[in-house]
Amino acid sequence: MNPTKCSELSRNDTSNPASGTGIKHSPQDHDDHSDRRNLEGSPELTDSENTSVIGVTLLTGGGDRPYVFGLATSLISEGAGLDIIGSDTLDFPELRGKRSVTFLNLRGSVESDVGLLRKVFRVGTYYARLLHYTSTSEPKIFHILWNNKIEIFDRTILMLYYKLLGKRIVRTAHNVNAGKRDSKDTYLNRLTLRIQYRLSDHIFVHTEKMKRELVEEFGVANSRVSVIPFGINNSVPTTGLTSEEAKEKLGLRADKKTILFFGRITPYKGLEYLVTAYQRFLPRREDYQMVIAGRPKDCERYWSAIRESVREDVQQGNVIMNASFIPDEEIEVYFKAADVLVLPYRHIYQSGVLFLSYSFGLPVLAADVGSLKDEIVEGKTGFAFWPEDPADLANAIERFFGSDLYATLDHRRQEIRAYSAEKHSWGVVSKLTMNLYASLLRLPGSGALVDNHKCKVLVDAKASSKD
């Protein structure tokens, strides 16, 4: 790639000629985000004097704001030049005006409360723009963080199109098989997943269990899969808000123990087990209060049943419920008001909410599914319990509130933050990722493709340097 030209697009231009439609770089007013602050641990967003030799297109699917922000900022700090294929929700103020970044809002709005014809038009327009961009783009690395709306098309035709144009494809598989997780798996789902995984030059996953599933169930060569840390969420603003102030903001009683369920509500997350544990198995239920915060998705009957089951608790003020999307600016309040986060999941590969909780120094009680237990240091960062077992979940709640971890929570919060920042550093993620990019481009001195041994060595070396 030409080191003086990361993209045919001017990185200071506000329009997108590559799309052929004159899409604006910043399509909406962002005055409401003008006071967003970088969190401690976020990389400095400075432009290097020379344009990076490694140009990368990040294909985001239009969502997952925390992961896109963390990965993009860390790659910039390592010298990558990025074309970010995004949406209205991913136009980060911190990335504007950076010579090493071009934000291409090919997706536009991702709001779901529009008519069917509008949705079809939006999706069709997006794919047309993406196809045109791909045919004219200079970056050779296409890094897919998430697929788009028509996943079968993304996994097959779109992948073949990328390969035909000589792109080297990196795939971050946050879920190896979401259909299996959601009990919606089909032969077609597995077949198209297999095709996408086979057409990818390299695949990143977040746990060893995920790697084994890719190798054993999808026939991916061991050498083409690397386990990387799940980077800690550094996109959420934080202030000097205290726990007492946060409780007051949510209308919570300061003398009660506060349990938090946070994030998108869907059946595989097992919220009903937490509700049952709270209502039936806690011997001194009056000592506790519970907060449920998150928007239900595609589960109207499921959510209606849960809402009805806690109706009386809500009326009595024992359960606080906010069944809507929680903006970044409001997330801090929930995690600082809580004494513990509960993840009662039935199925999961890995959970970004767990790491978000750690970033606020909040302990976690997690069901032993997927790799959640691997991220829990018993008695230090939280406790694990049996999945789909409300009685054992209630025991875990009592165990936590009777532990030294809870008794010294004010002190332990800083320890949890430090632990998560060290183990899930975006600096580690970006170095491993850049090493892989260089290997795929066969740059001099890049060495072999990143593997799990190298990942472990880098993480261990980083940890030992702090000892």
Protein backbone atom coordinates (compact mmCIF):
# COMPACT_ATOMS: atom_id res chain seq x y z
CA MET A 1 0.00 0.00 0.00
CA ASN A 2 1.23 3.51 -0.78
CA PRO A 3 2.49 4.92 2.55
CA THR A 4 1.57 8.44 1.56
CA LYS A 5 -2.03 7.62 0.70
CA CYS A 6 -4.19 5.47 2.97
CA SER A 7 -7.33 6.06 0.97
CA GLU A 8 -8.52 7.72 -2.17
CA LEU A 9 -10.76 9.78 0.08
CA SER A 10 -9.42 12.93 1.67
CA ARG A 11 -9.31 12.31 5.41
CA ASN A 12 -10.37 15.88 6.09
CA ASP A 13 -13.23 15.89 3.57
CA THR A 14 -16.77 15.98 4.89
CA SER A 15 -18.35 14.12 2.01
CA ASN A 16 -18.02 10.60 0.70
CA PRO A 17 -17.40 10.44 -3.03
CA ALA A 18 -16.69 6.73 -2.76
CA SER A 19 -20.35 6.08 -2.14
CA GLY A 20 -21.41 7.99 -5.20
CA THR A 21 -24.20 9.60 -3.22
CA GLY A 22 -22.55 12.57 -1.49
CA ILE A 23 -23.15 11.17 2.00
CA LYS A 24 -22.11 13.56 4.71
CA HIS A 25 -19.27 12.67 7.04
CA SER A 26 -21.18 14.01 10.04
CA PRO A 27 -24.89 13.67 9.20
CA GLN A 28 -26.33 14.93 12.44
CA ASP A 29 -25.86 17.64 15.03
CA HIS A 30 -23.62 16.39 17.85
CA ASP A 31 -23.74 19.38 20.21
CA ASP A 32 -25.22 17.12 22.86
CA HIS A 33 -22.01 15.09 22.88
CA SER A 34 -19.64 18.05 23.02
CA ASP A 35 -18.86 17.49 26.70
CA ARG A 36 -17.91 13.80 26.31
CA ARG A 37 -14.68 13.13 28.15
CA ASN A 38 -12.05 10.52 27.43
CA LEU A 39 -11.88 7.99 30.20
CA GLU A 40 -8.73 7.06 32.04
CA GLY A 41 -6.95 4.44 29.99
CA SER A 42 -8.20 5.69 26.61
CA PRO A 43 -5.39 6.10 24.07
CA GLU A 44 -4.38 9.60 23.08
CA LEU A 45 -5.90 10.38 19.69
CA THR A 46 -2.93 12.09 18.07
CA ASP A 47 -2.04 11.93 14.39
CA SER A 48 1.44 10.79 13.48
CA GLU A 49 3.45 12.97 11.11
CA ASN A 50 3.45 10.30 8.42
CA THR A 51 0.36 8.53 7.19
CA SER A 52 0.34 4.89 8.29
CA VAL A 53 1.53 2.18 5.94
CA ILE A 54 -1.28 -0.11 7.16
CA GLY A 55 -4.71 0.91 5.92
CA VAL A 56 -7.73 -0.94 7.27
CA THR A 57 -11.46 -0.85 6.63
CA LEU A 58 -13.49 -1.55 9.78
CA LEU A 59 -16.88 -3.03 8.89
CA THR A 60 -19.00 -2.43 11.97
CA GLY A 61 -22.51 -3.50 10.97
CA GLY A 62 -23.59 -0.09 12.24
CA GLY A 63 -23.62 -0.96 15.94
CA ASP A 64 -21.61 -2.05 19.01
CA ARG A 65 -20.49 1.45 19.85
CA PRO A 66 -18.20 0.49 22.78
CA TYR A 67 -16.18 -2.10 20.86
CA VAL A 68 -15.83 0.05 17.75
CA PHE A 69 -14.63 3.01 19.81
CA GLY A 70 -12.14 0.97 21.83
CA LEU A 71 -10.67 -0.85 18.85
CA ALA A 72 -10.55 2.20 16.58
CA THR A 73 -8.82 4.46 19.10
CA SER A 74 -6.28 1.80 20.02
CA LEU A 75 -5.47 1.01 16.37
CA ILE A 76 -4.98 4.72 15.68
CA SER A 77 -2.52 4.89 18.57
CA GLU A 78 -0.58 2.03 16.91
CA GLY A 79 -0.40 3.93 13.61
CA ALA A 80 -3.18 2.37 11.56
CA GLY A 81 -5.12 4.34 8.97
CA LEU A 82 -8.83 3.55 9.24
CA ASP A 83 -11.88 3.72 7.04
CA ILE A 84 -14.75 3.14 9.46
CA ILE A 85 -17.96 1.95 7.78
CA GLY A 86 -20.54 3.11 10.27
CA SER A 87 -23.93 4.60 11.07
CA ASP A 88 -25.37 7.65 12.81
CA THR A 89 -24.65 6.08 16.21
CA LEU A 90 -20.94 5.56 15.46
CA ASP A 91 -19.94 9.09 14.50
CA PHE A 92 -17.61 9.66 17.46
CA PRO A 93 -16.66 13.28 18.19
CA GLU A 94 -13.23 12.06 19.35
CA LEU A 95 -12.43 10.73 15.87
CA ARG A 96 -13.42 13.78 13.87
CA GLY A 97 -10.65 15.71 12.12
CA LYS A 98 -8.08 12.93 12.46
CA ARG A 99 -5.99 12.54 9.31
CA SER A 100 -5.69 8.81 9.91
CA VAL A 101 -9.46 8.26 10.02
CA THR A 102 -12.24 8.47 7.48
CA PHE A 103 -15.70 7.92 8.89
CA LEU A 104 -18.10 6.73 6.18
CA ASN A 105 -21.70 6.84 7.30
CA LEU A 106 -22.98 4.34 4.74
CA ARG A 107 -25.62 2.95 7.07
CA GLY A 108 -27.29 6.14 8.32
CA SER A 109 -30.05 5.60 10.86
CA VAL A 110 -30.39 2.22 12.56
CA GLU A 111 -33.58 3.08 14.43
CA SER A 112 -36.13 0.28 14.22
CA ASP A 113 -39.33 2.28 14.71
CA VAL A 114 -39.91 2.93 10.99
CA GLY A 115 -42.10 1.27 8.38
CA LEU A 116 -41.15 -1.83 6.40
CA LEU A 117 -40.66 0.04 3.11
CA ARG A 118 -38.36 2.52 4.82
CA LYS A 119 -36.32 -0.32 6.32
CA VAL A 120 -36.02 -2.06 2.95
CA PHE A 121 -34.90 1.18 1.30
CA ARG A 122 -32.32 1.87 4.00
CA VAL A 123 -30.83 -1.61 3.83
CA GLY A 124 -30.79 -1.67 0.03
CA THR A 125 -29.14 1.75 -0.12
CA TYR A 126 -26.54 0.67 2.41
CA TYR A 127 -25.54 -2.40 0.43
CA ALA A 128 -25.32 -0.39 -2.80
CA ARG A 129 -23.03 2.11 -1.10
CA LEU A 130 -20.92 -0.64 0.43
CA LEU A 131 -20.45 -2.45 -2.87
CA HIS A 132 -19.38 0.79 -4.55
CA TYR A 133 -17.02 1.70 -1.71
CA THR A 134 -15.38 -1.74 -1.83
CA SER A 135 -14.73 -1.50 -5.57
CA THR A 136 -12.94 1.86 -5.20
CA SER A 137 -11.31 1.56 -1.76
CA GLU A 138 -7.57 1.26 -1.30
CA PRO A 139 -7.21 -0.56 2.08
CA LYS A 140 -6.37 -4.22 1.54
CA ILE A 141 -7.42 -5.30 5.03
CA PHE A 142 -11.17 -5.61 5.61
CA HIS A 143 -11.85 -6.26 9.28
CA ILE A 144 -15.43 -7.42 9.89
CA LEU A 145 -16.62 -6.75 13.44
CA TRP A 146 -20.27 -7.54 12.76
CA ASN A 147 -22.32 -8.60 9.75
CA ASN A 148 -25.18 -6.47 8.47
CA LYS A 149 -28.93 -7.07 8.28
CA ILE A 150 -28.91 -9.75 5.57
CA GLU A 151 -26.43 -12.11 7.16
CA ILE A 152 -26.73 -14.87 4.57
CA PHE A 153 -25.71 -12.35 1.88
CA ASP A 154 -22.87 -11.04 4.04
CA ARG A 155 -21.52 -14.50 4.75
CA THR A 156 -21.53 -15.67 1.14
CA ILE A 157 -21.89 -13.25 -1.80
CA LEU A 158 -20.35 -10.28 -0.01
CA MET A 159 -17.41 -12.36 1.21
CA LEU A 160 -16.79 -13.67 -2.32
CA TYR A 161 -16.95 -10.09 -3.61
CA TYR A 162 -14.30 -8.98 -1.11
CA LYS A 163 -12.06 -11.89 -2.09
CA LEU A 164 -12.54 -11.20 -5.82
CA LEU A 165 -11.26 -7.66 -5.24
CA GLY A 166 -8.18 -8.96 -3.43
CA LYS A 167 -9.14 -7.98 0.12
CA ARG A 168 -7.60 -9.79 3.07
CA ILE A 169 -10.44 -10.52 5.45
CA VAL A 170 -10.19 -10.52 9.24
CA ARG A 171 -13.30 -11.54 11.17
CA THR A 172 -13.91 -10.90 14.86
CA ALA A 173 -16.40 -13.59 15.89
CA HIS A 174 -18.01 -12.18 19.02
CA ASN A 175 -20.45 -15.11 18.80
CA VAL A 176 -19.34 -18.26 17.02
CA ASN A 177 -22.94 -19.27 16.34
CA ALA A 178 -25.57 -16.88 17.68
CA GLY A 179 -28.32 -19.05 16.20
CA LYS A 180 -27.29 -21.91 18.48
CA ARG A 181 -27.16 -19.55 21.45
CA ASP A 182 -30.65 -18.24 20.70
CA SER A 183 -32.10 -21.73 20.01
CA LYS A 184 -32.70 -20.72 16.38
CA ASP A 185 -29.99 -22.77 14.70
CA THR A 186 -30.65 -24.20 11.23
CA TYR A 187 -28.73 -26.07 8.56
CA LEU A 188 -28.65 -22.91 6.42
CA ASN A 189 -27.32 -20.88 9.34
CA ARG A 190 -24.48 -23.35 9.96
CA LEU A 191 -23.70 -23.65 6.25
CA THR A 192 -23.38 -19.91 5.67
CA LEU A 193 -21.35 -19.51 8.84
CA ARG A 194 -19.00 -22.23 7.64
CA ILE A 195 -18.61 -20.44 4.31
CA GLN A 196 -17.78 -17.13 5.97
CA TYR A 197 -15.30 -18.69 8.35
CA ARG A 198 -13.61 -20.60 5.51
CA LEU A 199 -13.34 -17.44 3.38
CA SER A 200 -11.84 -15.40 6.22
CA ASP A 201 -8.06 -15.11 6.22
CA HIS A 202 -8.00 -14.94 10.01
CA ILE A 203 -10.52 -15.00 12.84
CA PHE A 204 -10.35 -13.40 16.27
CA VAL A 205 -12.34 -14.83 19.19
CA HIS A 206 -12.36 -13.93 22.87
CA THR A 207 -12.08 -17.32 24.60
CA GLU A 208 -10.43 -20.70 24.15
CA LYS A 209 -13.87 -22.36 24.17
CA MET A 210 -14.89 -20.27 21.19
CA LYS A 211 -11.73 -21.26 19.34
CA ARG A 212 -12.39 -24.96 19.98
CA GLU A 213 -15.93 -24.59 18.64
CA LEU A 214 -14.64 -22.94 15.46
CA VAL A 215 -12.08 -25.68 14.92
CA GLU A 216 -14.27 -28.65 15.85
CA GLU A 217 -17.68 -27.61 14.51
CA PHE A 218 -16.74 -25.42 11.54
CA GLY A 219 -13.50 -27.01 10.41
CA VAL A 220 -11.40 -23.86 10.71
CA ALA A 221 -7.66 -24.48 10.82
CA ASN A 222 -6.20 -23.92 14.26
CA SER A 223 -3.57 -21.56 12.84
CA ARG A 224 -6.23 -19.20 11.45
CA VAL A 225 -7.85 -18.51 14.83
CA SER A 226 -6.45 -16.30 17.58
CA VAL A 227 -7.80 -15.63 21.06
CA ILE A 228 -7.59 -11.97 22.03
CA PRO A 229 -8.82 -10.19 25.16
CA PHE A 230 -12.21 -8.49 25.14
CA GLY A 231 -11.20 -4.85 25.44
CA ILE A 232 -12.59 -2.95 28.41
CA ASN A 233 -15.33 -0.44 27.60
CA ASN A 234 -13.73 3.02 27.41
CA SER A 235 -16.48 4.83 25.51
CA VAL A 236 -18.76 5.54 28.48
CA PRO A 237 -18.25 8.94 30.17
CA THR A 238 -17.56 8.98 33.88
CA THR A 239 -17.71 11.78 36.45
CA GLY A 240 -17.17 12.25 40.17
CA LEU A 241 -20.66 10.92 40.88
CA THR A 242 -20.71 8.99 44.17
CA SER A 243 -22.61 5.81 44.93
CA GLU A 244 -24.90 7.69 47.31
CA GLU A 245 -25.68 10.31 44.68
CA ALA A 246 -26.32 7.65 42.05
CA LYS A 247 -28.79 5.84 44.34
CA GLU A 248 -30.59 9.09 44.97
CA LYS A 249 -30.85 9.78 41.23
CA LEU A 250 -32.56 6.43 40.68
CA GLY A 251 -34.81 6.73 43.72
CA LEU A 252 -33.11 3.86 45.55
CA ARG A 253 -32.90 3.51 49.31
CA ALA A 254 -29.40 3.90 50.72
CA ASP A 255 -30.04 1.31 53.47
CA LYS A 256 -30.88 -1.51 51.05
CA LYS A 257 -28.57 -3.83 49.09
CA THR A 258 -28.86 -3.09 45.39
CA ILE A 259 -28.80 -5.76 42.68
CA LEU A 260 -28.43 -4.72 39.03
CA PHE A 261 -29.47 -6.44 35.80
CA PHE A 262 -28.24 -4.37 32.87
CA GLY A 263 -28.34 -4.69 29.10
CA ARG A 264 -30.56 -5.78 26.26
CA ILE A 265 -33.35 -8.08 27.48
CA THR A 266 -33.77 -11.32 25.55
CA PRO A 267 -34.60 -14.90 26.62
CA TYR A 268 -31.05 -16.29 26.56
CA LYS A 269 -30.06 -13.82 29.29
CA GLY A 270 -32.25 -15.59 31.84
CA LEU A 271 -33.73 -12.58 33.62
CA GLU A 272 -36.59 -14.75 34.85
CA TYR A 273 -34.15 -16.72 37.03
CA LEU A 274 -33.01 -13.56 38.78
CA VAL A 275 -36.62 -12.49 39.34
CA THR A 276 -37.46 -15.91 40.80
CA ALA A 277 -34.37 -15.88 43.02
CA TYR A 278 -35.29 -12.44 44.31
CA GLN A 279 -38.95 -13.22 44.94
CA ARG A 280 -38.80 -16.79 46.27
CA PHE A 281 -35.38 -17.69 47.58
CA LEU A 282 -33.95 -14.69 49.41
CA PRO A 283 -34.84 -15.24 53.10
CA ARG A 284 -34.77 -11.52 53.94
CA ARG A 285 -36.14 -10.11 50.72
CA GLU A 286 -36.93 -6.77 52.36
CA ASP A 287 -33.16 -6.12 52.69
CA TYR A 288 -32.75 -6.00 48.92
CA GLN A 289 -33.79 -3.85 46.00
CA MET A 290 -33.34 -4.64 42.33
CA VAL A 291 -32.75 -2.51 39.23
CA ILE A 292 -33.62 -3.80 35.74
CA ALA A 293 -32.26 -1.55 32.99
CA GLY A 294 -32.29 -2.38 29.30
CA ARG A 295 -34.46 -2.56 26.22
CA PRO A 296 -36.34 -5.79 25.39
CA LYS A 297 -35.60 -7.07 21.88
CA ASP A 298 -37.86 -9.35 19.82
CA CYS A 299 -39.40 -11.01 22.90
CA GLU A 300 -42.75 -9.37 23.54
CA ARG A 301 -44.36 -12.39 25.20
CA TYR A 302 -41.28 -13.13 27.29
CA TRP A 303 -40.98 -9.53 28.44
CA SER A 304 -44.70 -9.23 29.20
CA ALA A 305 -44.48 -12.23 31.53
CA ILE A 306 -41.50 -10.76 33.41
CA ARG A 307 -43.07 -7.33 33.64
CA GLU A 308 -46.25 -8.82 35.09
CA SER A 309 -44.28 -10.93 37.59
CA VAL A 310 -42.56 -7.86 39.07
CA ARG A 311 -45.51 -5.47 38.81
CA GLU A 312 -46.22 -5.51 42.55
CA ASP A 313 -42.53 -5.08 43.43
CA VAL A 314 -42.34 -2.08 41.10
CA GLN A 315 -45.41 -0.53 42.69
CA GLN A 316 -43.89 -1.00 46.15
CA GLY A 317 -40.59 0.54 45.06
CA ASN A 318 -38.56 -2.63 45.58
CA VAL A 319 -37.80 -2.99 41.87
CA ILE A 320 -36.78 -0.07 39.67
CA MET A 321 -37.33 -0.73 35.98
CA ASN A 322 -36.20 1.17 32.89
CA ALA A 323 -37.15 -0.93 29.86
CA SER A 324 -35.46 1.26 27.26
CA PHE A 325 -32.11 1.86 25.63
CA ILE A 326 -29.72 3.42 28.15
CA PRO A 327 -27.63 6.22 26.55
CA ASP A 328 -23.91 6.30 27.28
CA GLU A 329 -24.32 9.42 29.39
CA GLU A 330 -26.66 7.61 31.81
CA ILE A 331 -24.83 4.28 32.18
CA GLU A 332 -22.59 5.53 34.99
CA VAL A 333 -25.57 6.15 37.26
CA TYR A 334 -26.71 2.52 37.16
CA PHE A 335 -23.31 0.96 37.81
CA LYS A 336 -22.44 3.36 40.60
CA ALA A 337 -25.83 2.95 42.27
CA ALA A 338 -25.52 -0.86 42.34
CA ASP A 339 -23.67 -3.04 44.83
CA VAL A 340 -23.42 -5.99 42.42
CA LEU A 341 -24.25 -6.89 38.83
CA VAL A 342 -25.98 -10.21 38.12
CA LEU A 343 -25.64 -12.11 34.83
CA PRO A 344 -28.17 -14.99 35.04
CA TYR A 345 -27.57 -16.06 31.44
CA ARG A 346 -28.72 -19.37 30.02
CA HIS A 347 -26.31 -19.27 27.06
CA ILE A 348 -23.49 -16.90 26.16
CA TYR A 349 -20.03 -16.87 24.64
CA GLN A 350 -18.74 -13.77 26.40
CA SER A 351 -20.40 -10.68 27.83
CA GLY A 352 -19.37 -7.08 27.28
CA VAL A 353 -21.60 -6.10 30.21
CA LEU A 354 -19.30 -8.02 32.56
CA PHE A 355 -16.31 -5.93 31.49
CA LEU A 356 -18.36 -2.75 31.60
CA SER A 357 -19.19 -3.59 35.21
CA TYR A 358 -15.54 -4.16 36.02
CA SER A 359 -14.65 -0.80 34.46
CA PHE A 360 -16.78 0.81 37.20
CA GLY A 361 -15.27 -1.44 39.87
CA LEU A 362 -18.58 -3.26 40.34
CA PRO A 363 -18.42 -6.97 41.32
CA VAL A 364 -20.27 -9.54 39.19
CA LEU A 365 -22.32 -12.63 39.98
CA ALA A 366 -22.38 -14.77 36.81
CA ALA A 367 -23.94 -18.03 35.72
CA ASP A 368 -21.39 -20.69 34.82
CA VAL A 369 -22.06 -20.65 31.07
CA GLY A 370 -19.74 -19.98 28.17
CA SER A 371 -16.56 -18.46 29.55
CA LEU A 372 -18.11 -16.19 32.16
CA LYS A 373 -16.68 -18.17 35.08
CA ASP A 374 -13.19 -17.78 33.62
CA GLU A 375 -13.49 -14.02 34.09
CA ILE A 376 -14.61 -14.27 37.74
CA VAL A 377 -11.98 -14.31 40.47
CA GLU A 378 -13.97 -15.87 43.30
CA GLY A 379 -14.19 -13.55 46.28
CA LYS A 380 -12.11 -10.89 44.51
CA THR A 381 -14.25 -9.74 41.57
CA GLY A 382 -17.42 -11.73 42.22
CA PHE A 383 -18.90 -15.23 42.39
CA ALA A 384 -20.28 -17.83 39.97
CA PHE A 385 -23.45 -19.91 40.31
CA TRP A 386 -25.21 -22.74 38.50
CA PRO A 387 -27.16 -21.62 35.42
CA GLU A 388 -30.96 -21.84 35.35
CA ASP A 389 -30.97 -22.42 39.12
CA PRO A 390 -32.71 -19.60 41.05
CA ALA A 391 -31.92 -21.22 44.41
CA ASP A 392 -28.18 -21.29 43.71
CA LEU A 393 -28.38 -17.74 42.36
CA ALA A 394 -30.01 -16.63 45.62
CA ASN A 395 -27.23 -18.41 47.53
CA ALA A 396 -24.65 -16.51 45.46
CA ILE A 397 -26.37 -13.23 46.27
CA GLU A 398 -26.33 -13.99 50.00
CA ARG A 399 -22.75 -15.21 49.76
CA PHE A 400 -21.65 -11.97 48.15
CA PHE A 401 -23.43 -9.70 50.61
CA GLY A 402 -21.97 -11.70 53.48
CA SER A 403 -18.44 -11.57 52.08
CA ASP A 404 -15.44 -9.38 52.73
CA LEU A 405 -15.72 -8.26 49.10
CA TYR A 406 -18.98 -6.48 49.88
CA ALA A 407 -17.88 -5.31 53.34
CA THR A 408 -14.88 -3.50 51.80
CA LEU A 409 -16.49 -2.62 48.48
CA ASP A 410 -15.39 1.02 48.48
CA HIS A 411 -11.76 -0.12 48.59
CA ARG A 412 -12.25 -3.13 46.31
CA ARG A 413 -13.78 -1.11 43.47
CA GLN A 414 -10.38 0.34 42.59
CA GLU A 415 -8.81 -3.13 42.67
CA ILE A 416 -11.44 -4.46 40.27
CA ARG A 417 -10.90 -1.53 37.90
CA ALA A 418 -7.14 -2.08 37.94
CA TYR A 419 -7.56 -5.82 37.37
CA SER A 420 -9.82 -5.36 34.37
CA ALA A 421 -7.70 -2.59 32.85
CA GLU A 422 -4.64 -4.81 33.04
CA LYS A 423 -6.17 -8.03 31.75
CA HIS A 424 -8.34 -6.46 29.06
CA SER A 425 -6.15 -3.64 27.85
CA TRP A 426 -6.92 -2.24 24.40
CA GLY A 427 -3.17 -1.78 24.07
CA VAL A 428 -2.74 -5.56 24.06
CA VAL A 429 -5.61 -5.99 21.62
CA SER A 430 -4.28 -3.40 19.18
CA LYS A 431 -0.72 -4.72 19.20
CA LEU A 432 -1.89 -8.25 18.45
CA THR A 433 -4.26 -6.96 15.78
CA MET A 434 -1.64 -4.80 14.09
CA ASN A 435 0.79 -7.71 14.09
CA LEU A 436 -1.81 -9.79 12.29
CA TYR A 437 -2.51 -7.04 9.74
CA ALA A 438 1.21 -6.78 8.98
CA SER A 439 1.47 -10.54 8.55
CA LEU A 440 -1.46 -10.65 6.14
CA LEU A 441 0.12 -7.85 4.10
CA ARG A 442 3.49 -9.65 4.26
CA LEU A 443 5.26 -6.55 5.45
CA PRO A 444 8.99 -6.89 6.18
CA GLY A 445 9.70 -8.04 9.72
CA SER A 446 6.08 -8.79 10.47
CA GLY A 447 6.77 -12.40 11.37
CA ALA A 448 4.24 -15.21 11.50
CA LEU A 449 0.56 -14.75 12.10
CA VAL A 450 -0.34 -13.94 15.69
CA ASP A 451 -1.17 -17.06 17.67
CA ASN A 452 -2.37 -17.83 21.16
CA HIS A 453 1.10 -18.38 22.51
CA LYS A 454 2.16 -14.93 21.38
CA CYS A 455 -1.00 -13.49 22.87
CA LYS A 456 -0.29 -15.11 26.22
CA VAL A 457 3.35 -14.01 26.17
CA LEU A 458 2.36 -10.41 25.46
CA VAL A 459 -0.31 -10.37 28.16
CA ASP A 460 2.00 -12.01 30.71
CA ALA A 461 4.83 -9.62 29.85
CA LYS A 462 2.54 -6.62 30.26
CA ALA A 463 1.36 -7.94 33.63
CA SER A 464 4.87 -8.66 34.88
CA SER A 465 6.01 -5.15 34.01
CA LYS A 466 3.55 -3.86 36.62
CA ASP A 467 4.78 -6.14 39.40
